Amino acid sequence: MKPENAPMEEFLWSEQEEPHKSRRLALLKEHPGVLKRFAKKNWTLIPTVLLANVVQFSLAFALRDSPWWALLIVAYTVGGTVNHAMTLAMHELAHNLASKSLFVNRVVGMLSNLPLGIPSYATFKRYHLEHHKYQGEEGIDVDVPTSAEGVFFITPLRKVLWCFMQPLFYSLRPIIVLPKALSTIEGINWVVQVVVDAAV
């Protein structure tokens, strides 16, 4: 939604309603049996997260004395793939899709965070759920690029740069646009991640 003071030329603003709710209602009307599927959890998440941790930390140990170029190749190919898979797992876990237990989802979420090296699971979950609730609302939905991004990244080359820097913007935008006090679960996420990083 376009804020009252936002210049029209910076972004293309839509006045349409947030689509998640209307899509859900239309889907349920057309396929009422789909509600049975909502209760099911993704049983592959837990073993996938555990396997990713084994792969990432085993490779770190096995390659500890390797030359830098070998580390770079393995980090880019295998490590990058594992890290991307774990960011996708964090998304699913933000929606509590591994288990009916909130505790299990949180533990697996923190495990999915371990290969990434930077504590992000709990903070991602906090902001991501708001993204679904307030999709497109500037100042609340931190997936919406800032005005500064809209003004600076206007040429084709700058847009390519923005795409490559998207993980950085995705990480920093929440604390710039909508800073929040650290929650207990975020604090636990930080402690767990820092301890594991120090041990590695």
N, C-alpha and C. Protein backbone atom coordinates (compact mmCIF):
# COMPACT_ATOMS: atom_id res chain seq x y z
N MET A 1 0.83 -1.19 0.00
CA MET A 1 0.00 0.00 0.00
C MET A 1 0.87 1.25 0.00
N LYS A 2 0.50 2.22 -0.76
CA LYS A 2 1.27 3.45 -0.86
C LYS A 2 1.02 4.35 0.36
N PRO A 3 2.11 4.68 1.09
CA PRO A 3 1.94 5.64 2.18
C PRO A 3 1.59 7.02 1.63
N GLU A 4 0.92 7.82 2.41
CA GLU A 4 0.45 9.13 1.94
C GLU A 4 1.58 10.04 1.47
N ASN A 5 2.75 9.95 2.13
CA ASN A 5 3.83 10.89 1.80
C ASN A 5 4.82 10.33 0.79
N ALA A 6 4.57 9.13 0.23
CA ALA A 6 5.53 8.51 -0.69
C ALA A 6 5.33 9.04 -2.12
N PRO A 7 6.44 9.47 -2.76
CA PRO A 7 6.35 9.91 -4.15
C PRO A 7 6.00 8.73 -5.06
N MET A 8 5.13 8.94 -6.00
CA MET A 8 4.67 7.87 -6.89
C MET A 8 5.80 7.33 -7.79
N GLU A 9 6.78 8.16 -8.13
CA GLU A 9 7.77 7.74 -9.10
C GLU A 9 8.79 6.74 -8.54
N GLU A 10 8.87 6.59 -7.23
CA GLU A 10 9.87 5.68 -6.66
C GLU A 10 9.50 4.22 -6.85
N PHE A 11 8.25 3.87 -6.65
CA PHE A 11 7.79 2.49 -6.76
C PHE A 11 6.46 2.44 -7.48
N LEU A 12 6.12 1.26 -7.93
CA LEU A 12 4.78 1.03 -8.45
C LEU A 12 3.95 0.56 -7.27
N TRP A 13 3.00 1.39 -6.83
CA TRP A 13 2.21 1.08 -5.64
C TRP A 13 0.89 0.44 -6.05
N SER A 14 0.48 -0.57 -5.33
CA SER A 14 -0.78 -1.24 -5.60
C SER A 14 -1.76 -0.96 -4.47
N GLU A 15 -2.98 -0.69 -4.82
CA GLU A 15 -4.02 -0.46 -3.82
C GLU A 15 -4.88 -1.71 -3.62
N GLN A 16 -4.48 -2.83 -4.24
CA GLN A 16 -5.22 -4.07 -4.09
C GLN A 16 -5.03 -4.63 -2.69
N GLU A 17 -5.99 -5.45 -2.27
CA GLU A 17 -5.89 -6.06 -0.95
C GLU A 17 -4.74 -7.06 -0.91
N GLU A 18 -4.29 -7.36 0.29
CA GLU A 18 -3.26 -8.37 0.50
C GLU A 18 -3.83 -9.71 0.02
N PRO A 19 -3.09 -10.44 -0.83
CA PRO A 19 -3.70 -11.58 -1.53
C PRO A 19 -3.81 -12.89 -0.72
N HIS A 20 -3.04 -13.06 0.34
CA HIS A 20 -3.05 -14.35 1.03
C HIS A 20 -4.45 -14.75 1.52
N LYS A 21 -5.14 -13.84 2.17
CA LYS A 21 -6.44 -14.17 2.75
C LYS A 21 -7.47 -14.53 1.67
N SER A 22 -7.56 -13.72 0.62
CA SER A 22 -8.55 -13.98 -0.42
C SER A 22 -8.22 -15.27 -1.18
N ARG A 23 -6.94 -15.54 -1.41
CA ARG A 23 -6.55 -16.78 -2.07
C ARG A 23 -6.92 -17.99 -1.22
N ARG A 24 -6.68 -17.87 0.07
CA ARG A 24 -7.00 -18.97 1.00
C ARG A 24 -8.51 -19.25 0.97
N LEU A 25 -9.32 -18.20 1.05
CA LEU A 25 -10.78 -18.38 1.04
C LEU A 25 -11.26 -18.99 -0.27
N ALA A 26 -10.71 -18.53 -1.39
CA ALA A 26 -11.11 -19.07 -2.69
C ALA A 26 -10.70 -20.54 -2.81
N LEU A 27 -9.49 -20.86 -2.33
CA LEU A 27 -9.01 -22.24 -2.38
C LEU A 27 -9.89 -23.15 -1.53
N LEU A 28 -10.24 -22.70 -0.33
CA LEU A 28 -11.08 -23.51 0.54
C LEU A 28 -12.49 -23.69 -0.02
N LYS A 29 -12.99 -22.67 -0.70
CA LYS A 29 -14.32 -22.77 -1.30
C LYS A 29 -14.32 -23.80 -2.43
N GLU A 30 -13.27 -23.76 -3.25
CA GLU A 30 -13.20 -24.66 -4.39
C GLU A 30 -12.78 -26.09 -4.00
N HIS A 31 -11.91 -26.19 -2.98
CA HIS A 31 -11.38 -27.49 -2.56
C HIS A 31 -11.45 -27.61 -1.03
N PRO A 32 -12.62 -27.83 -0.46
CA PRO A 32 -12.75 -27.88 1.01
C PRO A 32 -11.92 -28.98 1.66
N GLY A 33 -11.60 -30.02 0.93
CA GLY A 33 -10.81 -31.12 1.48
C GLY A 33 -9.36 -30.75 1.77
N VAL A 34 -8.93 -29.62 1.25
CA VAL A 34 -7.53 -29.22 1.45
C VAL A 34 -7.23 -28.92 2.93
N LEU A 35 -8.26 -28.65 3.71
CA LEU A 35 -8.06 -28.39 5.14
C LEU A 35 -7.39 -29.57 5.84
N LYS A 36 -7.67 -30.77 5.38
CA LYS A 36 -7.03 -31.96 5.97
C LYS A 36 -5.52 -31.93 5.77
N ARG A 37 -5.08 -31.32 4.68
CA ARG A 37 -3.65 -31.23 4.38
C ARG A 37 -2.96 -30.20 5.27
N PHE A 38 -3.69 -29.19 5.73
CA PHE A 38 -3.08 -28.15 6.55
C PHE A 38 -2.48 -28.71 7.83
N ALA A 39 -3.08 -29.75 8.37
CA ALA A 39 -2.61 -30.31 9.64
C ALA A 39 -1.35 -31.15 9.46
N LYS A 40 -1.07 -31.56 8.24
CA LYS A 40 0.11 -32.39 8.01
C LYS A 40 1.37 -31.54 8.05
N LYS A 41 2.43 -32.15 8.58
CA LYS A 41 3.71 -31.46 8.69
C LYS A 41 4.68 -32.04 7.67
N ASN A 42 5.69 -31.29 7.34
CA ASN A 42 6.69 -31.72 6.37
C ASN A 42 7.71 -32.60 7.07
N TRP A 43 7.53 -33.91 6.98
CA TRP A 43 8.39 -34.85 7.69
C TRP A 43 9.82 -34.84 7.19
N THR A 44 10.07 -34.28 6.01
CA THR A 44 11.44 -34.26 5.47
C THR A 44 12.30 -33.16 6.08
N LEU A 45 11.69 -32.19 6.73
CA LEU A 45 12.48 -31.06 7.25
C LEU A 45 13.52 -31.48 8.27
N ILE A 46 13.14 -32.26 9.25
CA ILE A 46 14.07 -32.62 10.33
C ILE A 46 15.27 -33.41 9.79
N PRO A 47 15.06 -34.49 9.03
CA PRO A 47 16.24 -35.20 8.51
C PRO A 47 17.07 -34.35 7.55
N THR A 48 16.44 -33.48 6.78
CA THR A 48 17.18 -32.61 5.86
C THR A 48 18.09 -31.66 6.64
N VAL A 49 17.56 -31.07 7.69
CA VAL A 49 18.35 -30.14 8.50
C VAL A 49 19.50 -30.88 9.18
N LEU A 50 19.23 -32.05 9.71
CA LEU A 50 20.30 -32.83 10.37
C LEU A 50 21.38 -33.22 9.36
N LEU A 51 20.97 -33.68 8.18
CA LEU A 51 21.93 -34.06 7.14
C LEU A 51 22.76 -32.86 6.70
N ALA A 52 22.13 -31.71 6.54
CA ALA A 52 22.85 -30.50 6.13
C ALA A 52 23.92 -30.14 7.16
N ASN A 53 23.60 -30.26 8.43
CA ASN A 53 24.59 -29.98 9.48
C ASN A 53 25.75 -30.96 9.40
N VAL A 54 25.44 -32.25 9.22
CA VAL A 54 26.49 -33.26 9.12
C VAL A 54 27.40 -32.95 7.93
N VAL A 55 26.81 -32.66 6.78
CA VAL A 55 27.60 -32.36 5.58
C VAL A 55 28.47 -31.13 5.80
N GLN A 56 27.88 -30.04 6.25
CA GLN A 56 28.62 -28.79 6.37
C GLN A 56 29.77 -28.89 7.39
N PHE A 57 29.47 -29.45 8.56
CA PHE A 57 30.50 -29.51 9.60
C PHE A 57 31.53 -30.60 9.31
N SER A 58 31.14 -31.68 8.65
CA SER A 58 32.10 -32.72 8.25
C SER A 58 33.08 -32.16 7.21
N LEU A 59 32.54 -31.42 6.25
CA LEU A 59 33.41 -30.81 5.24
C LEU A 59 34.36 -29.79 5.87
N ALA A 60 33.85 -29.02 6.81
CA ALA A 60 34.71 -28.04 7.48
C ALA A 60 35.87 -28.74 8.17
N PHE A 61 35.59 -29.87 8.80
CA PHE A 61 36.64 -30.63 9.48
C PHE A 61 37.59 -31.28 8.47
N ALA A 62 37.03 -31.92 7.45
CA ALA A 62 37.84 -32.63 6.47
C ALA A 62 38.75 -31.70 5.68
N LEU A 63 38.30 -30.48 5.44
CA LEU A 63 39.07 -29.54 4.60
C LEU A 63 39.87 -28.52 5.42
N ARG A 64 40.00 -28.76 6.72
CA ARG A 64 40.63 -27.76 7.60
C ARG A 64 42.06 -27.41 7.19
N ASP A 65 42.78 -28.32 6.55
CA ASP A 65 44.16 -28.05 6.14
C ASP A 65 44.31 -27.90 4.63
N SER A 66 43.21 -27.73 3.93
CA SER A 66 43.24 -27.63 2.47
C SER A 66 43.69 -26.24 2.03
N PRO A 67 44.18 -26.14 0.80
CA PRO A 67 44.55 -24.81 0.27
C PRO A 67 43.30 -23.94 0.09
N TRP A 68 43.51 -22.64 0.08
CA TRP A 68 42.40 -21.70 0.02
C TRP A 68 41.53 -21.90 -1.21
N TRP A 69 42.15 -22.23 -2.35
CA TRP A 69 41.37 -22.38 -3.58
C TRP A 69 40.42 -23.57 -3.49
N ALA A 70 40.84 -24.65 -2.81
CA ALA A 70 39.96 -25.81 -2.64
C ALA A 70 38.80 -25.45 -1.71
N LEU A 71 39.12 -24.73 -0.65
CA LEU A 71 38.07 -24.27 0.27
C LEU A 71 37.06 -23.41 -0.46
N LEU A 72 37.55 -22.51 -1.30
CA LEU A 72 36.67 -21.61 -2.05
C LEU A 72 35.73 -22.39 -2.97
N ILE A 73 36.25 -23.37 -3.68
CA ILE A 73 35.42 -24.17 -4.59
C ILE A 73 34.35 -24.93 -3.83
N VAL A 74 34.75 -25.62 -2.74
CA VAL A 74 33.79 -26.40 -1.97
C VAL A 74 32.79 -25.48 -1.26
N ALA A 75 33.28 -24.36 -0.74
CA ALA A 75 32.38 -23.42 -0.06
C ALA A 75 31.33 -22.88 -1.02
N TYR A 76 31.75 -22.56 -2.25
CA TYR A 76 30.82 -21.99 -3.22
C TYR A 76 29.81 -23.03 -3.71
N THR A 77 30.29 -24.24 -3.99
CA THR A 77 29.40 -25.25 -4.57
C THR A 77 28.58 -25.97 -3.50
N VAL A 78 29.25 -26.70 -2.64
CA VAL A 78 28.55 -27.48 -1.62
C VAL A 78 28.01 -26.59 -0.50
N GLY A 79 28.88 -25.75 0.05
CA GLY A 79 28.47 -24.87 1.16
C GLY A 79 27.36 -23.91 0.77
N GLY A 80 27.46 -23.35 -0.42
CA GLY A 80 26.42 -22.44 -0.89
C GLY A 80 25.08 -23.14 -1.07
N THR A 81 25.14 -24.37 -1.57
CA THR A 81 23.91 -25.15 -1.75
C THR A 81 23.29 -25.48 -0.40
N VAL A 82 24.12 -25.93 0.54
CA VAL A 82 23.63 -26.25 1.88
C VAL A 82 23.05 -25.00 2.54
N ASN A 83 23.75 -23.89 2.46
CA ASN A 83 23.26 -22.65 3.08
C ASN A 83 21.93 -22.21 2.48
N HIS A 84 21.81 -22.33 1.17
CA HIS A 84 20.54 -21.94 0.53
C HIS A 84 19.42 -22.87 0.99
N ALA A 85 19.72 -24.17 1.05
CA ALA A 85 18.72 -25.12 1.53
C ALA A 85 18.30 -24.79 2.96
N MET A 86 19.24 -24.35 3.78
CA MET A 86 18.92 -24.04 5.17
C MET A 86 18.12 -22.74 5.30
N THR A 87 18.33 -21.79 4.40
CA THR A 87 17.48 -20.60 4.44
C THR A 87 16.05 -20.96 4.04
N LEU A 88 15.90 -21.88 3.10
CA LEU A 88 14.56 -22.36 2.74
C LEU A 88 13.94 -23.13 3.90
N ALA A 89 14.76 -23.93 4.59
CA ALA A 89 14.26 -24.66 5.76
C ALA A 89 13.82 -23.68 6.84
N MET A 90 14.59 -22.61 7.05
CA MET A 90 14.21 -21.61 8.05
C MET A 90 12.86 -21.00 7.71
N HIS A 91 12.60 -20.80 6.42
CA HIS A 91 11.30 -20.27 6.01
C HIS A 91 10.18 -21.23 6.41
N GLU A 92 10.36 -22.51 6.10
CA GLU A 92 9.34 -23.50 6.44
C GLU A 92 9.16 -23.60 7.96
N LEU A 93 10.27 -23.53 8.68
CA LEU A 93 10.22 -23.62 10.14
C LEU A 93 9.62 -22.37 10.76
N ALA A 94 9.74 -21.24 10.08
CA ALA A 94 9.09 -20.01 10.57
C ALA A 94 7.57 -20.19 10.59
N HIS A 95 7.09 -21.07 9.72
CA HIS A 95 5.65 -21.38 9.67
C HIS A 95 5.31 -22.63 10.48
N ASN A 96 6.28 -23.11 11.28
CA ASN A 96 6.09 -24.27 12.16
C ASN A 96 5.67 -25.53 11.39
N LEU A 97 6.35 -25.82 10.29
CA LEU A 97 5.94 -26.92 9.43
C LEU A 97 6.69 -28.23 9.67
N ALA A 98 7.60 -28.28 10.64
CA ALA A 98 8.32 -29.53 10.89
C ALA A 98 7.57 -30.43 11.87
N SER A 99 6.84 -29.80 12.77
CA SER A 99 6.19 -30.57 13.85
C SER A 99 4.99 -29.79 14.37
N LYS A 100 4.11 -30.50 15.06
CA LYS A 100 3.00 -29.82 15.73
C LYS A 100 3.49 -29.11 16.99
N SER A 101 4.68 -29.46 17.44
CA SER A 101 5.26 -28.88 18.64
C SER A 101 6.05 -27.60 18.31
N LEU A 102 5.69 -26.50 18.94
CA LEU A 102 6.42 -25.25 18.75
C LEU A 102 7.87 -25.41 19.18
N PHE A 103 8.10 -26.12 20.28
CA PHE A 103 9.45 -26.34 20.78
C PHE A 103 10.31 -27.06 19.73
N VAL A 104 9.77 -28.13 19.15
CA VAL A 104 10.52 -28.88 18.13
C VAL A 104 10.83 -27.99 16.93
N ASN A 105 9.85 -27.21 16.48
CA ASN A 105 10.08 -26.29 15.36
C ASN A 105 11.19 -25.29 15.69
N ARG A 106 11.22 -24.79 16.91
CA ARG A 106 12.25 -23.82 17.30
C ARG A 106 13.63 -24.47 17.35
N VAL A 107 13.70 -25.68 17.90
CA VAL A 107 14.99 -26.37 17.98
C VAL A 107 15.52 -26.67 16.57
N VAL A 108 14.66 -27.19 15.71
CA VAL A 108 15.07 -27.50 14.35
C VAL A 108 15.41 -26.20 13.60
N GLY A 109 14.68 -25.13 13.89
CA GLY A 109 14.99 -23.84 13.29
C GLY A 109 16.39 -23.38 13.65
N MET A 110 16.75 -23.53 14.91
CA MET A 110 18.10 -23.13 15.32
C MET A 110 19.16 -24.06 14.74
N LEU A 111 18.83 -25.34 14.59
CA LEU A 111 19.76 -26.26 13.93
C LEU A 111 19.95 -25.87 12.46
N SER A 112 18.86 -25.45 11.81
CA SER A 112 18.97 -25.03 10.40
C SER A 112 19.83 -23.79 10.26
N ASN A 113 19.94 -23.04 11.33
CA ASN A 113 20.72 -21.81 11.34
C ASN A 113 22.22 -22.08 11.49
N LEU A 114 22.59 -23.18 12.12
CA LEU A 114 23.99 -23.44 12.47
C LEU A 114 24.95 -23.38 11.29
N PRO A 115 24.65 -24.00 10.13
CA PRO A 115 25.60 -23.93 9.02
C PRO A 115 25.80 -22.52 8.47
N LEU A 116 24.87 -21.62 8.73
CA LEU A 116 24.95 -20.27 8.17
C LEU A 116 25.95 -19.39 8.89
N GLY A 117 26.20 -19.68 10.17
CA GLY A 117 27.20 -18.93 10.92
C GLY A 117 26.73 -17.64 11.55
N ILE A 118 25.63 -17.11 11.11
CA ILE A 118 25.11 -15.84 11.64
C ILE A 118 23.73 -16.12 12.22
N PRO A 119 23.49 -15.75 13.49
CA PRO A 119 22.17 -16.03 14.09
C PRO A 119 21.06 -15.26 13.38
N SER A 120 20.15 -16.00 12.76
CA SER A 120 19.10 -15.32 11.99
C SER A 120 17.74 -15.98 12.06
N TYR A 121 17.66 -17.22 12.48
CA TYR A 121 16.39 -17.95 12.44
C TYR A 121 15.28 -17.21 13.19
N ALA A 122 15.50 -16.91 14.46
CA ALA A 122 14.43 -16.33 15.29
C ALA A 122 14.02 -14.95 14.80
N THR A 123 15.00 -14.16 14.36
CA THR A 123 14.69 -12.82 13.86
C THR A 123 13.94 -12.91 12.53
N PHE A 124 14.39 -13.83 11.67
CA PHE A 124 13.69 -14.02 10.40
C PHE A 124 12.23 -14.39 10.65
N LYS A 125 12.00 -15.33 11.57
CA LYS A 125 10.64 -15.78 11.85
C LYS A 125 9.78 -14.61 12.31
N ARG A 126 10.31 -13.81 13.18
CA ARG A 126 9.56 -12.68 13.74
C ARG A 126 9.10 -11.71 12.65
N TYR A 127 10.03 -11.34 11.79
CA TYR A 127 9.71 -10.38 10.73
C TYR A 127 8.91 -11.04 9.59
N HIS A 128 9.20 -12.30 9.31
CA HIS A 128 8.54 -12.95 8.18
C HIS A 128 7.05 -13.13 8.43
N LEU A 129 6.67 -13.46 9.64
CA LEU A 129 5.25 -13.62 9.93
C LEU A 129 4.51 -12.29 9.80
N GLU A 130 5.19 -11.19 10.14
CA GLU A 130 4.58 -9.86 9.91
C GLU A 130 4.46 -9.57 8.42
N HIS A 131 5.41 -10.05 7.64
CA HIS A 131 5.35 -9.88 6.19
C HIS A 131 4.06 -10.50 5.65
N HIS A 132 3.70 -11.66 6.14
CA HIS A 132 2.47 -12.31 5.68
C HIS A 132 1.23 -11.57 6.16
N LYS A 133 1.30 -11.04 7.35
CA LYS A 133 0.14 -10.35 7.92
C LYS A 133 -0.06 -8.97 7.31
N TYR A 134 1.03 -8.27 7.02
CA TYR A 134 0.96 -6.89 6.51
C TYR A 134 1.68 -6.77 5.18
N GLN A 135 1.45 -7.71 4.28
CA GLN A 135 2.18 -7.72 3.01
C GLN A 135 2.02 -6.42 2.25
N GLY A 136 3.18 -5.85 1.89
CA GLY A 136 3.20 -4.63 1.09
C GLY A 136 3.03 -3.34 1.85
N GLU A 137 2.85 -3.41 3.17
CA GLU A 137 2.68 -2.20 3.98
C GLU A 137 4.05 -1.62 4.30
N GLU A 138 4.35 -0.48 3.69
CA GLU A 138 5.65 0.13 3.93
C GLU A 138 5.80 0.48 5.41
N GLY A 139 6.97 0.20 5.94
CA GLY A 139 7.25 0.48 7.34
C GLY A 139 6.93 -0.68 8.27
N ILE A 140 6.16 -1.66 7.77
CA ILE A 140 5.85 -2.86 8.56
C ILE A 140 6.39 -4.10 7.85
N ASP A 141 6.09 -4.22 6.57
CA ASP A 141 6.59 -5.35 5.78
C ASP A 141 8.01 -5.01 5.33
N VAL A 142 8.99 -5.62 5.99
CA VAL A 142 10.39 -5.28 5.69
C VAL A 142 10.89 -5.97 4.42
N ASP A 143 10.02 -6.71 3.71
CA ASP A 143 10.39 -7.22 2.39
C ASP A 143 10.27 -6.12 1.33
N VAL A 144 9.57 -5.05 1.65
CA VAL A 144 9.42 -3.93 0.72
C VAL A 144 10.73 -3.13 0.73
N PRO A 145 11.35 -2.94 -0.44
CA PRO A 145 12.59 -2.16 -0.49
C PRO A 145 12.37 -0.74 0.05
N THR A 146 13.43 -0.18 0.61
CA THR A 146 13.35 1.18 1.16
C THR A 146 13.33 2.20 0.03
N SER A 147 12.94 3.41 0.36
CA SER A 147 12.94 4.50 -0.63
C SER A 147 14.35 4.71 -1.17
N ALA A 148 15.36 4.59 -0.31
CA ALA A 148 16.75 4.78 -0.75
C ALA A 148 17.12 3.74 -1.81
N GLU A 149 16.67 2.50 -1.63
CA GLU A 149 16.93 1.47 -2.64
C GLU A 149 16.22 1.82 -3.95
N GLY A 150 15.00 2.31 -3.84
CA GLY A 150 14.22 2.66 -5.02
C GLY A 150 14.82 3.82 -5.80
N VAL A 151 15.48 4.72 -5.09
CA VAL A 151 16.09 5.89 -5.75
C VAL A 151 17.45 5.54 -6.35
N PHE A 152 18.25 4.73 -5.63
CA PHE A 152 19.61 4.46 -6.08
C PHE A 152 19.70 3.38 -7.15
N PHE A 153 18.98 2.29 -7.00
CA PHE A 153 19.12 1.16 -7.91
C PHE A 153 18.16 1.27 -9.09
N ILE A 154 18.46 2.25 -9.97
CA ILE A 154 17.56 2.52 -11.09
C ILE A 154 18.15 2.17 -12.45
N THR A 155 19.45 2.04 -12.55
CA THR A 155 20.05 1.67 -13.84
C THR A 155 20.17 0.14 -13.92
N PRO A 156 20.29 -0.40 -15.13
CA PRO A 156 20.43 -1.86 -15.24
C PRO A 156 21.60 -2.42 -14.42
N LEU A 157 22.75 -1.75 -14.45
CA LEU A 157 23.91 -2.23 -13.70
C LEU A 157 23.66 -2.19 -12.19
N ARG A 158 23.05 -1.12 -11.73
CA ARG A 158 22.73 -1.02 -10.29
C ARG A 158 21.68 -2.05 -9.88
N LYS A 159 20.76 -2.36 -10.77
CA LYS A 159 19.76 -3.39 -10.46
C LYS A 159 20.41 -4.76 -10.33
N VAL A 160 21.39 -5.04 -11.18
CA VAL A 160 22.14 -6.30 -11.08
C VAL A 160 22.88 -6.33 -9.75
N LEU A 161 23.51 -5.22 -9.40
CA LEU A 161 24.20 -5.11 -8.11
C LEU A 161 23.23 -5.35 -6.96
N TRP A 162 22.04 -4.77 -7.05
CA TRP A 162 21.02 -4.95 -6.01
C TRP A 162 20.66 -6.43 -5.87
N CYS A 163 20.54 -7.14 -6.99
CA CYS A 163 20.22 -8.57 -6.94
C CYS A 163 21.31 -9.34 -6.21
N PHE A 164 22.58 -9.03 -6.50
CA PHE A 164 23.68 -9.73 -5.83
C PHE A 164 23.76 -9.36 -4.35
N MET A 165 23.33 -8.16 -4.02
CA MET A 165 23.41 -7.71 -2.63
C MET A 165 22.12 -7.96 -1.86
N GLN A 166 21.15 -8.64 -2.49
CA GLN A 166 19.85 -8.87 -1.85
C GLN A 166 19.96 -9.54 -0.48
N PRO A 167 20.83 -10.55 -0.30
CA PRO A 167 20.93 -11.13 1.04
C PRO A 167 21.35 -10.10 2.10
N LEU A 168 22.22 -9.18 1.73
CA LEU A 168 22.64 -8.13 2.66
C LEU A 168 21.47 -7.21 2.99
N PHE A 169 20.74 -6.77 1.96
CA PHE A 169 19.60 -5.89 2.20
C PHE A 169 18.52 -6.61 3.01
N TYR A 170 18.31 -7.88 2.68
CA TYR A 170 17.29 -8.67 3.37
C TYR A 170 17.64 -8.82 4.86
N SER A 171 18.93 -8.86 5.15
CA SER A 171 19.39 -8.98 6.54
C SER A 171 19.32 -7.66 7.29
N LEU A 172 19.70 -6.57 6.63
CA LEU A 172 19.81 -5.28 7.31
C LEU A 172 18.52 -4.46 7.31
N ARG A 173 17.69 -4.64 6.29
CA ARG A 173 16.48 -3.83 6.17
C ARG A 173 15.59 -3.89 7.41
N PRO A 174 15.36 -5.07 8.00
CA PRO A 174 14.49 -5.10 9.19
C PRO A 174 14.98 -4.23 10.34
N ILE A 175 16.29 -4.25 10.61
CA ILE A 175 16.79 -3.48 11.76
C ILE A 175 16.87 -1.98 11.45
N ILE A 176 16.78 -1.64 10.18
CA ILE A 176 16.76 -0.21 9.80
C ILE A 176 15.33 0.30 9.72
N VAL A 177 14.46 -0.46 9.06
CA VAL A 177 13.08 -0.03 8.82
C VAL A 177 12.20 -0.18 10.05
N LEU A 178 12.33 -1.29 10.76
CA LEU A 178 11.45 -1.59 11.88
C LEU A 178 12.23 -2.25 13.02
N PRO A 179 13.14 -1.50 13.64
CA PRO A 179 13.95 -2.11 14.71
C PRO A 179 13.08 -2.54 15.89
N LYS A 180 13.47 -3.67 16.50
CA LYS A 180 12.73 -4.20 17.65
C LYS A 180 13.73 -4.63 18.71
N ALA A 181 13.26 -4.64 19.94
CA ALA A 181 14.09 -5.14 21.02
C ALA A 181 14.29 -6.65 20.84
N LEU A 182 15.44 -7.15 21.26
CA LEU A 182 15.75 -8.56 21.15
C LEU A 182 14.78 -9.37 22.00
N SER A 183 14.17 -10.39 21.41
CA SER A 183 13.26 -11.27 22.16
C SER A 183 14.08 -12.38 22.83
N THR A 184 13.45 -13.08 23.75
CA THR A 184 14.12 -14.18 24.45
C THR A 184 14.59 -15.24 23.47
N ILE A 185 13.74 -15.64 22.54
CA ILE A 185 14.12 -16.68 21.58
C ILE A 185 15.25 -16.21 20.67
N GLU A 186 15.27 -14.91 20.34
CA GLU A 186 16.38 -14.38 19.55
C GLU A 186 17.67 -14.42 20.36
N GLY A 187 17.58 -14.11 21.64
CA GLY A 187 18.75 -14.18 22.51
C GLY A 187 19.30 -15.60 22.58
N ILE A 188 18.41 -16.57 22.71
CA ILE A 188 18.82 -17.98 22.74
C ILE A 188 19.47 -18.35 21.40
N ASN A 189 18.89 -17.90 20.30
CA ASN A 189 19.44 -18.15 18.97
C ASN A 189 20.86 -17.61 18.87
N TRP A 190 21.08 -16.40 19.36
CA TRP A 190 22.42 -15.78 19.36
C TRP A 190 23.40 -16.61 20.18
N VAL A 191 23.01 -17.00 21.39
CA VAL A 191 23.90 -17.75 22.26
C VAL A 191 24.29 -19.08 21.61
N VAL A 192 23.29 -19.82 21.13
CA VAL A 192 23.56 -21.11 20.49
C VAL A 192 24.50 -20.94 19.29
N GLN A 193 24.22 -19.95 18.45
CA GLN A 193 25.03 -19.76 17.25
C GLN A 193 26.45 -19.35 17.59
N VAL A 194 26.62 -18.44 18.53
CA VAL A 194 27.96 -17.98 18.90
C VAL A 194 28.78 -19.11 19.52
N VAL A 195 28.15 -19.93 20.36
CA VAL A 195 28.85 -21.07 20.96
C VAL A 195 29.31 -22.05 19.88
N VAL A 196 28.42 -22.38 18.94
CA VAL A 196 28.80 -23.31 17.86
C VAL A 196 29.87 -22.69 16.97
N ASP A 197 29.74 -21.42 16.62
CA ASP A 197 30.76 -20.76 15.80
C ASP A 197 32.11 -20.78 16.50
N ALA A 198 32.14 -20.53 17.82
CA ALA A 198 33.39 -20.53 18.56
C ALA A 198 33.98 -21.94 18.60
N ALA A 199 33.13 -22.95 18.71
CA ALA A 199 33.61 -24.33 18.76
C ALA A 199 34.21 -24.76 17.41
N VAL A 200 33.64 -24.25 16.32
CA VAL A 200 34.15 -24.60 14.99
C VAL A 200 35.48 -23.90 14.76
